[in-house]
Amino acid sequence: MECSYPNGLEGDECACSSTCLSKKHEVQRGPDADGKTMCACFVDGVEVGTCEGAEREVCHLKQGCRQEFFNLPM
């Protein structure tokens, strides 16, 4: 898994990606224009879902996007 934290580990933005089952799974987390914490979930570059109030752990791909949008085994 590859991750980036543009504002350091204490910031509220992150982006991670990993290849699983021959597909690239990505998640991006950060504030929207209204200051709410949002995440976006992508499979092979196509947005498959979003989540509001996302916790930092969503960037680990095993929480948030994983269960709801990625349907990956544990």
PDB file of N, CA and C in Angstrom:
ATOM      1  N   MET A   1       0.845  -1.171   0.000  1.00  0.00           N
ATOM      2  CA  MET A   1       0.000   0.000   0.000  1.00  0.00           C
ATOM      3  C   MET A   1       0.893   1.238   0.000  1.00  0.00           C
ATOM      4  N   GLU A   2       0.539   2.195  -0.811  1.00  0.00           N
ATOM      5  CA  GLU A   2       1.270   3.456  -0.895  1.00  0.00           C
ATOM      6  C   GLU A   2       0.373   4.568  -0.387  1.00  0.00           C
ATOM      7  N   CYS A   3       0.925   5.410   0.495  1.00  0.00           N
ATOM      8  CA  CYS A   3       0.142   6.510   1.059  1.00  0.00           C
ATOM      9  C   CYS A   3       0.913   7.814   0.999  1.00  0.00           C
ATOM     10  N   SER A   4       0.165   8.899   0.947  1.00  0.00           N
ATOM     11  CA  SER A   4       0.770  10.224   1.054  1.00  0.00           C
ATOM     12  C   SER A   4      -0.059  11.048   2.023  1.00  0.00           C
ATOM     13  N   TYR A   5       0.621  11.891   2.779  1.00  0.00           N
ATOM     14  CA  TYR A   5      -0.002  12.776   3.763  1.00  0.00           C
ATOM     15  C   TYR A   5       0.529  14.179   3.505  1.00  0.00           C
ATOM     16  N   PRO A   6      -0.157  14.961   2.662  1.00  0.00           N
ATOM     17  CA  PRO A   6       0.359  16.275   2.267  1.00  0.00           C
ATOM     18  C   PRO A   6       0.621  17.234   3.418  1.00  0.00           C
ATOM     19  N   ASN A   7      -0.100  17.086   4.523  1.00  0.00           N
ATOM     20  CA  ASN A   7       0.098  17.974   5.669  1.00  0.00           C
ATOM     21  C   ASN A   7       0.674  17.231   6.867  1.00  0.00           C
ATOM     22  N   GLY A   8       1.373  16.146   6.607  1.00  0.00           N
ATOM     23  CA  GLY A   8       1.969  15.359   7.687  1.00  0.00           C
ATOM     24  C   GLY A   8       0.940  14.441   8.323  1.00  0.00           C
ATOM     25  N   LEU A   9       1.402  13.590   9.207  1.00  0.00           N
ATOM     26  CA  LEU A   9       0.533  12.596   9.830  1.00  0.00           C
ATOM     27  C   LEU A   9      -0.546  13.199  10.713  1.00  0.00           C
ATOM     28  N   GLU A  10      -0.359  14.417  11.161  1.00  0.00           N
ATOM     29  CA  GLU A  10      -1.363  15.057  12.008  1.00  0.00           C
ATOM     30  C   GLU A  10      -2.396  15.841  11.198  1.00  0.00           C
ATOM     31  N   GLY A  11      -2.188  15.954   9.891  1.00  0.00           N
ATOM     32  CA  GLY A  11      -3.127  16.684   9.042  1.00  0.00           C
ATOM     33  C   GLY A  11      -4.380  15.884   8.783  1.00  0.00           C
ATOM     34  N   ASP A  12      -5.359  16.510   8.124  1.00  0.00           N
ATOM     35  CA  ASP A  12      -6.616  15.813   7.874  1.00  0.00           C
ATOM     36  C   ASP A  12      -6.776  15.389   6.419  1.00  0.00           C
ATOM     37  N   GLU A  13      -5.665  15.335   5.683  1.00  0.00           N
ATOM     38  CA  GLU A  13      -5.710  14.878   4.303  1.00  0.00           C
ATOM     39  C   GLU A  13      -4.801  13.677   4.131  1.00  0.00           C
ATOM     40  N   CYS A  14      -5.255  12.712   3.329  1.00  0.00           N
ATOM     41  CA  CYS A  14      -4.414  11.556   3.026  1.00  0.00           C
ATOM     42  C   CYS A  14      -4.918  10.928   1.733  1.00  0.00           C
ATOM     43  N   ALA A  15      -4.068  10.157   1.129  1.00  0.00           N
ATOM     44  CA  ALA A  15      -4.419   9.419  -0.078  1.00  0.00           C
ATOM     45  C   ALA A  15      -3.629   8.120  -0.060  1.00  0.00           C
ATOM     46  N   CYS A  16      -4.321   6.998  -0.241  1.00  0.00           N
ATOM     47  CA  CYS A  16      -3.658   5.701  -0.256  1.00  0.00           C
ATOM     48  C   CYS A  16      -4.185   4.877  -1.415  1.00  0.00           C
ATOM     49  N   SER A  17      -3.342   3.969  -1.893  1.00  0.00           N
ATOM     50  CA  SER A  17      -3.758   3.071  -2.962  1.00  0.00           C
ATOM     51  C   SER A  17      -3.072   1.728  -2.803  1.00  0.00           C
ATOM     52  N   SER A  18      -3.713   0.713  -3.336  1.00  0.00           N
ATOM     53  CA  SER A  18      -3.179  -0.631  -3.280  1.00  0.00           C
ATOM     54  C   SER A  18      -3.836  -1.437  -4.395  1.00  0.00           C
ATOM     55  N   THR A  19      -3.129  -2.441  -4.897  1.00  0.00           N
ATOM     56  CA  THR A  19      -3.707  -3.322  -5.906  1.00  0.00           C
ATOM     57  C   THR A  19      -4.126  -4.615  -5.237  1.00  0.00           C
ATOM     58  N   CYS A  20      -5.372  -4.994  -5.465  1.00  0.00           N
ATOM     59  CA  CYS A  20      -5.918  -6.211  -4.883  1.00  0.00           C
ATOM     60  C   CYS A  20      -6.869  -6.831  -5.891  1.00  0.00           C
ATOM     61  N   LEU A  21      -6.792  -8.134  -6.060  1.00  0.00           N
ATOM     62  CA  LEU A  21      -7.647  -8.834  -7.020  1.00  0.00           C
ATOM     63  C   LEU A  21      -7.549  -8.194  -8.408  1.00  0.00           C
ATOM     64  N   SER A  22      -6.324  -7.810  -8.783  1.00  0.00           N
ATOM     65  CA  SER A  22      -6.000  -7.229 -10.092  1.00  0.00           C
ATOM     66  C   SER A  22      -6.643  -5.872 -10.349  1.00  0.00           C
ATOM     67  N   LYS A  23      -7.122  -5.203  -9.313  1.00  0.00           N
ATOM     68  CA  LYS A  23      -7.707  -3.875  -9.473  1.00  0.00           C
ATOM     69  C   LYS A  23      -7.016  -2.906  -8.519  1.00  0.00           C
ATOM     70  N   LYS A  24      -6.861  -1.657  -8.972  1.00  0.00           N
ATOM     71  CA  LYS A  24      -6.260  -0.626  -8.124  1.00  0.00           C
ATOM     72  C   LYS A  24      -7.353   0.016  -7.284  1.00  0.00           C
ATOM     73  N   HIS A  25      -7.195  -0.057  -5.969  1.00  0.00           N
ATOM     74  CA  HIS A  25      -8.146   0.532  -5.023  1.00  0.00           C
ATOM     75  C   HIS A  25      -7.492   1.751  -4.399  1.00  0.00           C
ATOM     76  N   GLU A  26      -8.217   2.871  -4.396  1.00  0.00           N
ATOM     77  CA  GLU A  26      -7.679   4.119  -3.859  1.00  0.00           C
ATOM     78  C   GLU A  26      -8.695   4.794  -2.954  1.00  0.00           C
ATOM     79  N   VAL A  27      -8.188   5.525  -1.996  1.00  0.00           N
ATOM     80  CA  VAL A  27      -9.042   6.357  -1.159  1.00  0.00           C
ATOM     81  C   VAL A  27      -8.343   7.692  -0.954  1.00  0.00           C
ATOM     82  N   GLN A  28      -9.130   8.755  -0.974  1.00  0.00           N
ATOM     83  CA  GLN A  28      -8.622  10.097  -0.711  1.00  0.00           C
ATOM     84  C   GLN A  28      -9.502  10.706   0.373  1.00  0.00           C
ATOM     85  N   ARG A  29      -8.883  11.342   1.333  1.00  0.00           N
ATOM     86  CA  ARG A  29      -9.618  11.931   2.447  1.00  0.00           C
ATOM     87  C   ARG A  29      -9.166  13.364   2.645  1.00  0.00           C
ATOM     88  N   GLY A  30     -10.112  14.249   2.941  1.00  0.00           N
ATOM     89  CA  GLY A  30      -9.787  15.642   3.201  1.00  0.00           C
ATOM     90  C   GLY A  30     -11.048  16.467   3.368  1.00  0.00           C
ATOM     91  N   PRO A  31     -10.894  17.728   3.711  1.00  0.00           N
ATOM     92  CA  PRO A  31     -12.066  18.595   3.908  1.00  0.00           C
ATOM     93  C   PRO A  31     -12.670  19.029   2.574  1.00  0.00           C
ATOM     94  N   ASP A  32     -14.008  19.150   2.553  1.00  0.00           N
ATOM     95  CA  ASP A  32     -14.655  19.689   1.365  1.00  0.00           C
ATOM     96  C   ASP A  32     -14.775  21.205   1.509  1.00  0.00           C
ATOM     97  N   ALA A  33     -15.460  21.848   0.592  1.00  0.00           N
ATOM     98  CA  ALA A  33     -15.565  23.312   0.608  1.00  0.00           C
ATOM     99  C   ALA A  33     -16.254  23.838   1.874  1.00  0.00           C
ATOM    100  N   ASP A  34     -17.108  23.007   2.490  1.00  0.00           N
ATOM    101  CA  ASP A  34     -17.808  23.418   3.709  1.00  0.00           C
ATOM    102  C   ASP A  34     -17.047  23.042   4.979  1.00  0.00           C
ATOM    103  N   GLY A  35     -15.869  22.454   4.822  1.00  0.00           N
ATOM    104  CA  GLY A  35     -15.061  22.083   5.977  1.00  0.00           C
ATOM    105  C   GLY A  35     -15.385  20.721   6.559  1.00  0.00           C
ATOM    106  N   LYS A  36     -16.328  19.981   5.967  1.00  0.00           N
ATOM    107  CA  LYS A  36     -16.638  18.632   6.422  1.00  0.00           C
ATOM    108  C   LYS A  36     -15.552  17.679   5.943  1.00  0.00           C
ATOM    109  N   THR A  37     -15.262  16.667   6.735  1.00  0.00           N
ATOM    110  CA  THR A  37     -14.263  15.679   6.335  1.00  0.00           C
ATOM    111  C   THR A  37     -14.939  14.642   5.453  1.00  0.00           C
ATOM    112  N   MET A  38     -14.442  14.529   4.238  1.00  0.00           N
ATOM    113  CA  MET A  38     -15.017  13.617   3.260  1.00  0.00           C
ATOM    114  C   MET A  38     -13.965  12.644   2.764  1.00  0.00           C
ATOM    115  N   CYS A  39     -14.418  11.500   2.242  1.00  0.00           N
ATOM    116  CA  CYS A  39     -13.496  10.612   1.550  1.00  0.00           C
ATOM    117  C   CYS A  39     -14.122  10.203   0.230  1.00  0.00           C
ATOM    118  N   ALA A  40     -13.286   9.855  -0.709  1.00  0.00           N
ATOM    119  CA  ALA A  40     -13.723   9.357  -2.005  1.00  0.00           C
ATOM    120  C   ALA A  40     -13.018   8.031  -2.244  1.00  0.00           C
ATOM    121  N   CYS A  41     -13.771   7.058  -2.771  1.00  0.00           N
ATOM    122  CA  CYS A  41     -13.257   5.715  -2.993  1.00  0.00           C
ATOM    123  C   CYS A  41     -13.233   5.435  -4.494  1.00  0.00           C
ATOM    124  N   PHE A  42     -12.112   4.916  -4.987  1.00  0.00           N
ATOM    125  CA  PHE A  42     -11.937   4.671  -6.412  1.00  0.00           C
ATOM    126  C   PHE A  42     -11.502   3.234  -6.662  1.00  0.00           C
ATOM    127  N   VAL A  43     -11.999   2.637  -7.742  1.00  0.00           N
ATOM    128  CA  VAL A  43     -11.532   1.338  -8.214  1.00  0.00           C
ATOM    129  C   VAL A  43     -11.121   1.548  -9.662  1.00  0.00           C
ATOM    130  N   ASP A  44      -9.858   1.291  -9.955  1.00  0.00           N
ATOM    131  CA  ASP A  44      -9.300   1.504 -11.297  1.00  0.00           C
ATOM    132  C   ASP A  44      -9.614   2.899 -11.824  1.00  0.00           C
ATOM    133  N   GLY A  45      -9.529   3.907 -10.940  1.00  0.00           N
ATOM    134  CA  GLY A  45      -9.696   5.296 -11.337  1.00  0.00           C
ATOM    135  C   GLY A  45     -11.130   5.775 -11.420  1.00  0.00           C
ATOM    136  N   VAL A  46     -12.112   4.902 -11.168  1.00  0.00           N
ATOM    137  CA  VAL A  46     -13.517   5.275 -11.226  1.00  0.00           C
ATOM    138  C   VAL A  46     -14.045   5.446  -9.802  1.00  0.00           C
ATOM    139  N   GLU A  47     -14.642   6.609  -9.510  1.00  0.00           N
ATOM    140  CA  GLU A  47     -15.184   6.832  -8.172  1.00  0.00           C
ATOM    141  C   GLU A  47     -16.384   5.915  -7.950  1.00  0.00           C
ATOM    142  N   VAL A  48     -16.325   5.129  -6.875  1.00  0.00           N
ATOM    143  CA  VAL A  48     -17.392   4.177  -6.581  1.00  0.00           C
ATOM    144  C   VAL A  48     -18.190   4.566  -5.343  1.00  0.00           C
ATOM    145  N   GLY A  49     -17.748   5.594  -4.630  1.00  0.00           N
ATOM    146  CA  GLY A  49     -18.496   6.031  -3.468  1.00  0.00           C
ATOM    147  C   GLY A  49     -17.772   7.115  -2.699  1.00  0.00           C
ATOM    148  N   THR A  50     -18.511   7.714  -1.775  1.00  0.00           N
ATOM    149  CA  THR A  50     -17.951   8.746  -0.904  1.00  0.00           C
ATOM    150  C   THR A  50     -18.443   8.495   0.514  1.00  0.00           C
ATOM    151  N   CYS A  51     -17.777   9.103   1.468  1.00  0.00           N
ATOM    152  CA  CYS A  51     -18.237   9.005   2.844  1.00  0.00           C
ATOM    153  C   CYS A  51     -17.987  10.337   3.541  1.00  0.00           C
ATOM    154  N   GLU A  52     -18.930  10.713   4.398  1.00  0.00           N
ATOM    155  CA  GLU A  52     -18.842  11.970   5.133  1.00  0.00           C
ATOM    156  C   GLU A  52     -18.422  11.679   6.563  1.00  0.00           C
ATOM    157  N   GLY A  53     -17.623  12.574   7.143  1.00  0.00           N
ATOM    158  CA  GLY A  53     -17.162  12.386   8.510  1.00  0.00           C
ATOM    159  C   GLY A  53     -16.147  11.267   8.624  1.00  0.00           C
ATOM    160  N   ALA A  54     -15.395  11.041   7.565  1.00  0.00           N
ATOM    161  CA  ALA A  54     -14.447   9.929   7.527  1.00  0.00           C
ATOM    162  C   ALA A  54     -13.343  10.088   8.574  1.00  0.00           C
ATOM    163  N   GLU A  55     -13.067   9.018   9.283  1.00  0.00           N
ATOM    164  CA  GLU A  55     -11.973   9.022  10.246  1.00  0.00           C
ATOM    165  C   GLU A  55     -10.659   8.832   9.517  1.00  0.00           C
ATOM    166  N   ARG A  56      -9.568   9.155  10.183  1.00  0.00           N
ATOM    167  CA  ARG A  56      -8.247   9.031   9.562  1.00  0.00           C
ATOM    168  C   ARG A  56      -7.971   7.609   9.088  1.00  0.00           C
ATOM    169  N   GLU A  57      -8.510   6.632   9.784  1.00  0.00           N
ATOM    170  CA  GLU A  57      -8.238   5.239   9.437  1.00  0.00           C
ATOM    171  C   GLU A  57      -8.781   4.841   8.074  1.00  0.00           C
ATOM    172  N   VAL A  58      -9.663   5.648   7.498  1.00  0.00           N
ATOM    173  CA  VAL A  58     -10.212   5.315   6.190  1.00  0.00           C
ATOM    174  C   VAL A  58      -9.100   5.170   5.157  1.00  0.00           C
ATOM    175  N   CYS A  59      -7.989   5.866   5.339  1.00  0.00           N
ATOM    176  CA  CYS A  59      -6.896   5.784   4.368  1.00  0.00           C
ATOM    177  C   CYS A  59      -6.151   4.456   4.435  1.00  0.00           C
ATOM    178  N   HIS A  60      -6.418   3.659   5.418  1.00  0.00           N
ATOM    179  CA  HIS A  60      -5.777   2.348   5.483  1.00  0.00           C
ATOM    180  C   HIS A  60      -6.463   1.335   4.577  1.00  0.00           C
ATOM    181  N   LEU A  61      -7.501   1.736   3.869  1.00  0.00           N
ATOM    182  CA  LEU A  61      -8.258   0.937   2.911  1.00  0.00           C
ATOM    183  C   LEU A  61      -9.029  -0.211   3.554  1.00  0.00           C
ATOM    184  N   LYS A  62      -8.698  -0.583   4.775  1.00  0.00           N
ATOM    185  CA  LYS A  62      -9.401  -1.691   5.422  1.00  0.00           C
ATOM    186  C   LYS A  62     -10.607  -1.209   6.208  1.00  0.00           C
ATOM    187  N   GLN A  63     -10.779   0.095   6.284  1.00  0.00           N
ATOM    188  CA  GLN A  63     -11.947   0.669   6.944  1.00  0.00           C
ATOM    189  C   GLN A  63     -12.575   1.649   5.973  1.00  0.00           C
ATOM    190  N   GLY A  64     -13.799   2.036   6.217  1.00  0.00           N
ATOM    191  CA  GLY A  64     -14.461   2.991   5.331  1.00  0.00           C
ATOM    192  C   GLY A  64     -14.752   2.403   3.970  1.00  0.00           C
ATOM    193  N   CYS A  65     -13.939   2.716   2.989  1.00  0.00           N
ATOM    194  CA  CYS A  65     -14.167   2.271   1.613  1.00  0.00           C
ATOM    195  C   CYS A  65     -14.198   0.753   1.486  1.00  0.00           C
ATOM    196  N   ARG A  66     -13.344   0.092   2.191  1.00  0.00           N
ATOM    197  CA  ARG A  66     -13.163  -1.347   1.994  1.00  0.00           C
ATOM    198  C   ARG A  66     -14.471  -2.126   2.093  1.00  0.00           C
ATOM    199  N   GLN A  67     -15.154  -2.006   3.191  1.00  0.00           N
ATOM    200  CA  GLN A  67     -16.363  -2.783   3.393  1.00  0.00           C
ATOM    201  C   GLN A  67     -17.523  -2.303   2.526  1.00  0.00           C
ATOM    202  N   GLU A  68     -17.720  -1.021   2.500  1.00  0.00           N
ATOM    203  CA  GLU A  68     -18.918  -0.491   1.841  1.00  0.00           C
ATOM    204  C   GLU A  68     -18.820  -0.456   0.328  1.00  0.00           C
ATOM    205  N   PHE A  69     -17.631  -0.127  -0.205  1.00  0.00           N
ATOM    206  CA  PHE A  69     -17.526   0.089  -1.650  1.00  0.00           C
ATOM    207  C   PHE A  69     -16.593  -0.888  -2.364  1.00  0.00           C
ATOM    208  N   PHE A  70     -15.575  -1.396  -1.664  1.00  0.00           N
ATOM    209  CA  PHE A  70     -14.601  -2.241  -2.336  1.00  0.00           C
ATOM    210  C   PHE A  70     -14.976  -3.716  -2.303  1.00  0.00           C
ATOM    211  N   ASN A  71     -15.757  -4.141  -1.297  1.00  0.00           N
ATOM    212  CA  ASN A  71     -16.165  -5.530  -1.169  1.00  0.00           C
ATOM    213  C   ASN A  71     -14.968  -6.476  -1.212  1.00  0.00           C
ATOM    214  N   LEU A  72     -13.945  -6.172  -0.431  1.00  0.00           N
ATOM    215  CA  LEU A  72     -12.737  -6.991  -0.382  1.00  0.00           C
ATOM    216  C   LEU A  72     -12.783  -7.911   0.833  1.00  0.00           C
ATOM    217  N   PRO A  73     -12.179  -9.101   0.712  1.00  0.00           N
ATOM    218  CA  PRO A  73     -12.110  -9.985   1.876  1.00  0.00           C
ATOM    219  C   PRO A  73     -11.158  -9.418   2.925  1.00  0.00           C
ATOM    220  N   MET A  74     -11.341  -9.798   4.173  1.00  0.00           N
ATOM    221  CA  MET A  74     -10.480  -9.297   5.246  1.00  0.00           C
ATOM    222  C   MET A  74      -9.122  -9.915   5.179  1.00  0.00           C
TER     223      MET A  74
END
